[in-house]
Protein backbone atom coordinates (compact mmCIF):
# COMPACT_ATOMS: atom_id res chain seq x y z
CA MET A 1 -0.32 3.98 -23.32
CA ILE A 2 -1.68 7.39 -22.31
CA ASP A 3 0.01 10.71 -21.61
CA PHE A 4 0.46 12.00 -18.07
CA GLU A 5 -2.14 14.75 -18.45
CA THR A 6 -4.80 12.20 -19.45
CA PHE A 7 -3.81 9.99 -16.52
CA LEU A 8 -4.05 12.93 -14.14
CA THR A 9 -7.45 13.90 -15.51
CA GLU A 10 -8.80 10.35 -15.24
CA LEU A 11 -7.65 10.15 -11.64
CA TYR A 12 -9.01 13.57 -10.70
CA VAL A 13 -12.45 12.90 -12.17
CA MET A 14 -12.71 9.62 -10.29
CA VAL A 15 -11.47 11.11 -7.01
CA ASP A 16 -13.84 14.07 -7.36
CA ASP A 17 -16.85 11.83 -8.02
CA PHE A 18 -15.88 9.71 -5.01
CA CYS A 19 -15.50 12.70 -2.68
CA LYS A 20 -18.84 14.18 -3.76
CA SER A 21 -20.86 10.95 -3.68
CA LYS A 22 -19.28 8.94 -0.85
CA LEU A 23 -17.96 11.50 1.66
CA ASP A 24 -19.54 14.22 3.76
CA GLU A 25 -19.36 17.74 2.43
CA GLU A 26 -15.99 19.29 3.05
CA ARG A 27 -15.79 21.89 5.79
CA ARG A 28 -13.48 24.57 4.53
CA PRO A 29 -11.70 26.83 7.00
CA SER A 30 -11.51 30.58 6.47
CA PRO A 31 -9.79 31.70 4.37
CA LYS A 32 -10.58 28.99 1.86
CA MET A 33 -7.96 26.35 1.11
CA SER A 34 -5.84 27.02 -1.94
CA LEU A 35 -6.77 23.58 -3.32
CA SER A 36 -9.94 21.51 -3.04
CA ARG A 37 -9.99 18.16 -1.27
CA SER A 38 -10.22 16.35 -4.61
CA GLU A 39 -7.20 18.21 -5.96
CA ILE A 40 -5.13 17.51 -2.84
CA VAL A 41 -5.95 13.79 -2.89
CA THR A 42 -5.24 13.55 -6.62
CA LEU A 43 -1.83 15.20 -6.26
CA ALA A 44 -0.98 13.05 -3.23
CA ILE A 45 -1.67 9.88 -5.21
CA VAL A 46 -0.17 10.77 -8.58
CA GLY A 47 3.00 12.12 -6.99
CA GLN A 48 4.11 8.61 -5.97
CA TRP A 49 5.33 7.59 -9.43
CA GLY A 50 8.96 6.56 -9.19
CA TRP A 51 10.03 8.38 -12.35
CA LEU A 52 9.19 11.68 -10.64
CA GLY A 53 12.12 11.04 -8.30
CA SER A 54 10.86 12.57 -5.05
CA GLU A 55 8.30 14.94 -3.56
CA ARG A 56 10.57 17.82 -4.51
CA GLY A 57 10.87 16.50 -8.06
CA PHE A 58 7.11 16.13 -8.33
CA TYR A 59 6.56 19.69 -7.13
CA ARG A 60 9.02 21.01 -9.72
CA TYR A 61 7.24 18.96 -12.38
CA LEU A 62 3.89 20.45 -11.37
CA CYS A 63 5.24 23.98 -11.50
CA ALA A 64 6.82 23.40 -14.90
CA HIS A 65 3.95 21.61 -16.65
CA PHE A 66 0.68 22.09 -14.73
CA ARG A 67 0.83 25.59 -13.25
CA PRO A 68 -2.20 26.75 -15.33
CA ALA A 69 -4.24 23.79 -14.04
CA PHE A 70 -3.35 24.64 -10.42
CA PRO A 71 -2.98 28.44 -10.34
CA ARG A 72 -3.31 28.49 -6.53
CA LEU A 73 -0.72 25.78 -5.93
CA PRO A 74 0.74 26.48 -2.47
CA HIS A 75 4.35 26.24 -1.35
CA ARG A 76 5.67 22.68 -1.21
CA SER A 77 5.73 22.54 2.59
CA GLN A 78 2.11 23.70 2.79
CA LEU A 79 1.10 21.23 0.08
CA ASN A 80 2.69 18.42 2.11
CA ARG A 81 0.69 19.45 5.18
CA LEU A 82 -2.52 19.51 3.16
CA MET A 83 -1.76 16.03 1.82
CA ARG A 84 -1.07 14.59 5.27
CA ALA A 85 -4.41 15.93 6.47
CA GLN A 86 -6.18 13.92 3.74
CA GLN A 87 -4.68 10.52 4.57
CA GLU A 88 -8.04 9.06 5.62
CA THR A 89 -9.57 10.19 2.34
CA VAL A 90 -6.78 8.52 0.38
CA VAL A 91 -7.31 5.26 2.31
CA ALA A 92 -11.08 5.45 1.77
CA PHE A 93 -10.59 5.97 -1.96
CA SER A 94 -8.31 2.93 -2.12
CA HIS A 95 -11.00 0.78 -0.47
CA PHE A 96 -13.53 2.22 -2.92
CA LEU A 97 -11.37 1.00 -5.82
CA VAL A 98 -11.21 -2.45 -4.21
CA GLN A 99 -15.01 -2.57 -4.03
CA LEU A 100 -15.37 -1.18 -7.55
CA MET A 101 -13.28 -4.04 -8.95
CA ALA A 102 -15.08 -6.58 -6.71
CA ALA A 103 -11.59 -7.55 -5.61
CA THR A 104 -12.69 -9.26 -2.40
CA ARG A 105 -14.82 -11.81 -4.27
CA VAL A 106 -11.93 -14.15 -4.89
CA PRO A 107 -11.15 -17.69 -3.69
CA TYR A 108 -7.99 -16.56 -1.91
CA GLU A 109 -5.74 -13.65 -1.01
CA ALA A 110 -1.97 -13.88 -0.70
CA ILE A 111 -0.40 -12.26 2.35
CA ASP A 112 3.25 -11.54 3.01
CA ALA A 113 5.55 -9.03 4.66
CA SER A 114 8.49 -7.07 3.27
CA ALA A 115 11.22 -4.77 4.56
CA VAL A 116 10.79 -1.01 4.11
CA PRO A 117 14.07 0.82 4.82
CA THR A 118 13.73 4.35 6.16
CA ARG A 119 17.38 5.11 6.88
CA ASP A 120 20.85 3.96 5.88
CA ILE A 121 21.78 1.36 8.46
CA ASN A 122 25.41 2.56 8.50
CA ARG A 123 24.48 6.07 9.64
CA ARG A 124 25.07 7.02 13.25
CA GLY A 125 22.38 8.12 15.67
CA HIS A 126 18.74 7.16 15.99
CA GLY A 127 17.35 9.02 12.98
CA TRP A 128 14.01 10.79 12.68
CA LEU A 129 11.78 7.96 13.95
CA PRO A 130 13.25 6.76 17.26
CA GLY A 131 11.01 4.24 19.00
CA LEU A 132 9.05 3.61 15.79
CA ALA A 133 11.48 2.35 13.15
CA ASP A 134 14.12 -0.08 14.40
CA TYR A 135 16.53 -2.73 13.13
CA GLY A 136 15.51 -5.93 11.39
CA LYS A 137 16.71 -8.47 8.86
CA SER A 138 15.22 -9.49 5.54
CA ASN A 139 16.22 -11.90 2.79
CA ARG A 140 16.11 -9.04 0.27
CA LEU A 141 18.14 -6.39 2.09
CA GLY A 142 19.93 -8.18 4.90
CA PHE A 143 20.09 -6.01 8.02
CA TYR A 144 18.19 -2.73 7.67
CA GLN A 145 16.55 0.06 9.67
CA GLY A 146 12.92 0.86 9.07
CA PHE A 147 9.52 -0.81 9.02
CA HIS A 148 8.01 -4.23 8.27
CA LEU A 149 5.07 -4.01 5.86
CA LEU A 150 2.31 -6.63 5.57
CA ILE A 151 -0.05 -6.64 2.59
CA SER A 152 -2.88 -8.81 1.33
CA VAL A 153 -3.41 -9.06 -2.43
CA THR A 154 -5.84 -10.75 -4.82
CA PRO A 155 -4.83 -13.13 -7.63
CA ILE A 156 -4.57 -10.20 -10.09
CA GLY A 157 -2.58 -8.01 -7.69
CA VAL A 158 -5.14 -5.68 -6.09
CA ILE A 159 -4.05 -4.68 -2.58
CA THR A 160 -7.07 -5.19 -0.34
CA GLY A 161 -5.36 -4.09 2.86
CA TYR A 162 -2.05 -3.48 4.59
CA GLY A 163 -0.42 -2.68 7.90
CA PHE A 164 3.10 -2.13 9.18
CA GLY A 165 5.19 -2.29 12.31
CA SER A 166 8.80 -1.79 13.29
CA ALA A 167 11.44 -3.75 11.38
CA SER A 168 11.92 -6.25 14.22
CA THR A 169 8.24 -7.25 14.27
CA LYS A 170 7.65 -10.88 13.29
CA ASP A 171 5.34 -11.87 10.45
CA SER A 172 2.98 -13.71 12.80
CA THR A 173 2.70 -10.69 15.10
CA LEU A 174 1.79 -8.44 12.18
CA ALA A 175 -0.76 -11.01 11.05
CA ASP A 176 -2.28 -11.10 14.55
CA THR A 177 -3.12 -7.40 14.47
CA PHE A 178 -4.02 -7.42 10.78
CA LEU A 179 -6.54 -10.25 11.00
CA ALA A 180 -7.95 -9.03 14.31
CA ALA A 181 -8.57 -5.57 12.85
CA ARG A 182 -10.23 -7.11 9.81
CA SER A 183 -12.49 -9.25 12.00
CA GLN A 184 -13.32 -6.45 14.44
CA PRO A 185 -12.80 -3.12 12.62
CA HIS A 186 -10.97 -0.39 14.53
CA PRO A 187 -11.24 3.30 13.56
CA ARG A 188 -7.45 3.74 13.80
CA LEU A 189 -6.64 0.69 11.68
CA THR A 190 -8.70 1.34 8.56
CA THR A 191 -5.87 0.42 6.17
CA VAL A 192 -6.34 -3.32 6.81
CA GLY A 193 -9.53 -3.46 4.73
CA ARG A 194 -12.25 -6.06 4.97
CA LEU A 195 -12.06 -9.71 5.97
CA ALA A 196 -11.32 -11.93 2.98
CA GLN A 197 -14.13 -14.10 1.68
CA GLY A 198 -11.68 -16.85 0.75
CA ASP A 199 -8.55 -18.27 2.33
CA TYR A 200 -5.21 -16.59 2.96
CA LEU A 201 -2.11 -18.05 1.32
CA ALA A 202 1.11 -17.40 3.22
CA ASP A 203 4.73 -18.54 3.37
CA LYS A 204 6.49 -20.54 6.06
CA GLY A 205 6.90 -17.43 8.22
CA PHE A 206 3.24 -17.89 9.11
CA SER A 207 3.53 -21.67 9.69
CA LEU A 208 2.70 -21.76 13.37
CA PRO A 209 -0.06 -24.36 13.97
CA ALA A 210 -1.23 -22.74 17.22
CA LYS A 211 -1.43 -19.31 15.58
CA LYS A 212 -3.25 -20.62 12.52
CA GLN A 213 -5.82 -22.31 14.74
CA GLN A 214 -6.22 -19.10 16.72
CA TRP A 215 -6.75 -17.04 13.56
CA LEU A 216 -9.35 -19.51 12.32
CA THR A 217 -11.20 -19.72 15.64
CA HIS A 218 -11.21 -16.06 16.63
CA TYR A 219 -11.09 -14.22 13.31
CA ALA A 220 -12.59 -16.74 10.83
CA ALA A 221 -9.36 -16.45 8.84
CA ASN A 222 -8.11 -19.68 7.29
CA VAL A 223 -4.37 -19.21 6.67
CA ILE A 224 -2.78 -21.85 4.43
CA SER A 225 1.00 -22.14 4.48
CA ALA A 226 3.51 -24.88 3.86
CA PRO A 227 5.02 -26.35 7.04
CA LYS A 228 8.68 -25.76 7.76
CA ARG A 229 10.97 -28.31 6.17
CA ASN A 230 12.17 -29.61 9.54
CA ASP A 231 8.60 -30.17 10.73
CA LYS A 232 8.32 -33.91 11.41
CA GLN A 233 4.59 -33.89 12.14
CA PHE A 234 3.41 -32.20 8.95
CA ARG A 235 5.11 -32.89 5.62
CA TRP A 236 4.24 -31.53 2.20
CA PRO A 237 5.45 -33.05 -1.07
CA LYS A 238 7.61 -30.83 -3.24
CA ALA A 239 4.92 -30.54 -5.92
CA LEU A 240 2.43 -29.13 -3.41
CA ARG A 241 4.96 -26.62 -2.12
CA ARG A 242 5.68 -25.45 -5.66
CA TRP A 243 1.98 -25.13 -6.43
CA LEU A 244 1.40 -22.94 -3.37
CA ALA A 245 4.48 -20.88 -4.20
CA SER A 246 3.19 -20.29 -7.72
CA LEU A 247 -0.10 -18.93 -6.36
CA ARG A 248 1.74 -16.69 -3.93
CA GLN A 249 4.10 -15.27 -6.56
CA ILE A 250 1.66 -12.42 -7.16
CA VAL A 251 2.46 -10.85 -3.79
CA GLU A 252 6.16 -10.70 -4.68
CA THR A 253 5.26 -8.94 -7.93
CA VAL A 254 3.16 -6.41 -6.04
CA PHE A 255 5.98 -5.70 -3.61
CA GLU A 256 8.29 -5.11 -6.57
CA LYS A 257 5.85 -2.49 -7.88
CA LEU A 258 5.64 -0.74 -4.52
CA HIS A 259 9.38 -0.75 -3.89
CA ASN A 260 10.56 0.25 -7.37
CA THR A 261 7.73 1.64 -9.54
CA PHE A 262 6.36 3.73 -6.66
CA ARG A 263 9.74 4.27 -4.89
CA LEU A 264 8.84 2.79 -1.51
CA ASP A 265 12.47 1.68 -1.13
CA ARG A 266 13.55 5.31 -1.40
CA GLU A 267 11.35 6.68 1.37
CA ARG A 268 13.30 8.56 4.02
CA PRO A 269 10.51 9.96 6.23
CA HIS A 270 11.08 12.54 8.95
CA ASP A 271 7.80 11.85 10.75
CA LEU A 272 5.30 9.01 10.96
CA THR A 273 2.32 10.89 9.50
CA GLY A 274 4.25 11.67 6.33
CA PHE A 275 5.20 8.03 5.86
CA GLN A 276 1.63 6.88 6.53
CA MET A 277 0.21 9.27 3.94
CA ARG A 278 2.75 8.38 1.26
CA LEU A 279 2.31 4.65 1.86
CA ALA A 280 -1.47 5.03 1.57
CA ALA A 281 -1.01 7.02 -1.64
CA LYS A 282 1.31 4.39 -3.14
CA VAL A 283 -1.18 1.59 -2.41
CA THR A 284 -3.99 3.69 -3.88
CA LEU A 285 -2.00 4.53 -7.01
CA HIS A 286 -1.22 0.84 -7.44
CA ASN A 287 -4.91 -0.08 -7.26
CA PHE A 288 -5.93 2.77 -9.55
CA CYS A 289 -3.40 1.67 -12.18
CA ILE A 290 -4.88 -1.83 -12.09
CA TRP A 291 -8.40 -0.41 -12.49
CA LEU A 292 -7.29 1.76 -15.41
CA ASN A 293 -5.45 -1.10 -17.11
CA LEU A 294 -8.54 -3.31 -16.86
CA ARG A 295 -10.68 -0.51 -18.31
CA LEU A 296 -8.24 -0.11 -21.21
CA GLY A 297 -8.13 -3.88 -21.87
CA ARG A 298 -4.52 -4.21 -20.73
CA GLN A 299 -2.78 -6.59 -18.34
CA PRO A 300 -3.54 -5.54 -14.74
CA LEU A 301 0.08 -5.05 -13.65
CA ALA A 302 1.42 -3.53 -16.89
CA PHE A 303 2.52 -0.29 -15.24
CA THR A 304 5.80 0.31 -17.06
CA ASP A 305 4.25 1.47 -20.34
CA LEU A 306 0.96 2.76 -18.95
CA ILE A 307 2.07 6.41 -19.08
CA GLN A 308 4.03 8.04 -21.87
CA VAL A 309 6.61 10.16 -20.07
């Protein structure tokens, strides 16, 4: 267990080294920004802890405890704009952590999708994201309004890539874009990460033989999933289904961290860029916590007692 100041310092030093060694020199407008790129990225990432409550709560916490460390801390609205402008840097740092932990050198990655509510479904009107967030149904929430998030994780829980669509988007459709972007990188879809060296383990939502063959043929992505129980052509014994489910359990654990530990379930974004930045920061914070736990000789996903609040 470490205190929050030590955690913040560890993160800042790592982000600063990354920005100086891996990225082009920052072009500062005139007058100079109130915070450096490394400081903005660090604050964007560390502010996603669930115990901070919200962006407003995090800003109050900074003002109360870290004002001397950030004497030029701008107004909260300006800080939010600075953070949104550094989304690509946050994503790049997350991929750097994946490479640092050699997370892609694994026999398999588990992929799955989960509901991300962005608005109370009982509220009237279209909300802040009309045409982007819509209505869907999940086993966890029932009917909801928001997005559908797909992630790919390693056996220890490192998130190697992610992507999202509207709530009504099917798992297989998300996987189509995700695997295609991994096979043929696109500059606007950098969050998906690199193509896995091993297989992909998925649930029955991805059990479409034609799709699986297409993913293997076009994207070199071998997706393994149990057939649906009413499938008469392909049958799996119960023991094999349980074995696959046990390997895939890690992705459920990771989703629990994102939704609760890093408050993804409490996101109520007013614009898409803000949601994209905060999602990238949550994924990056998740990966950084795993890296720090491994460095401290702790269990990778032991986040609850990592920081002494």
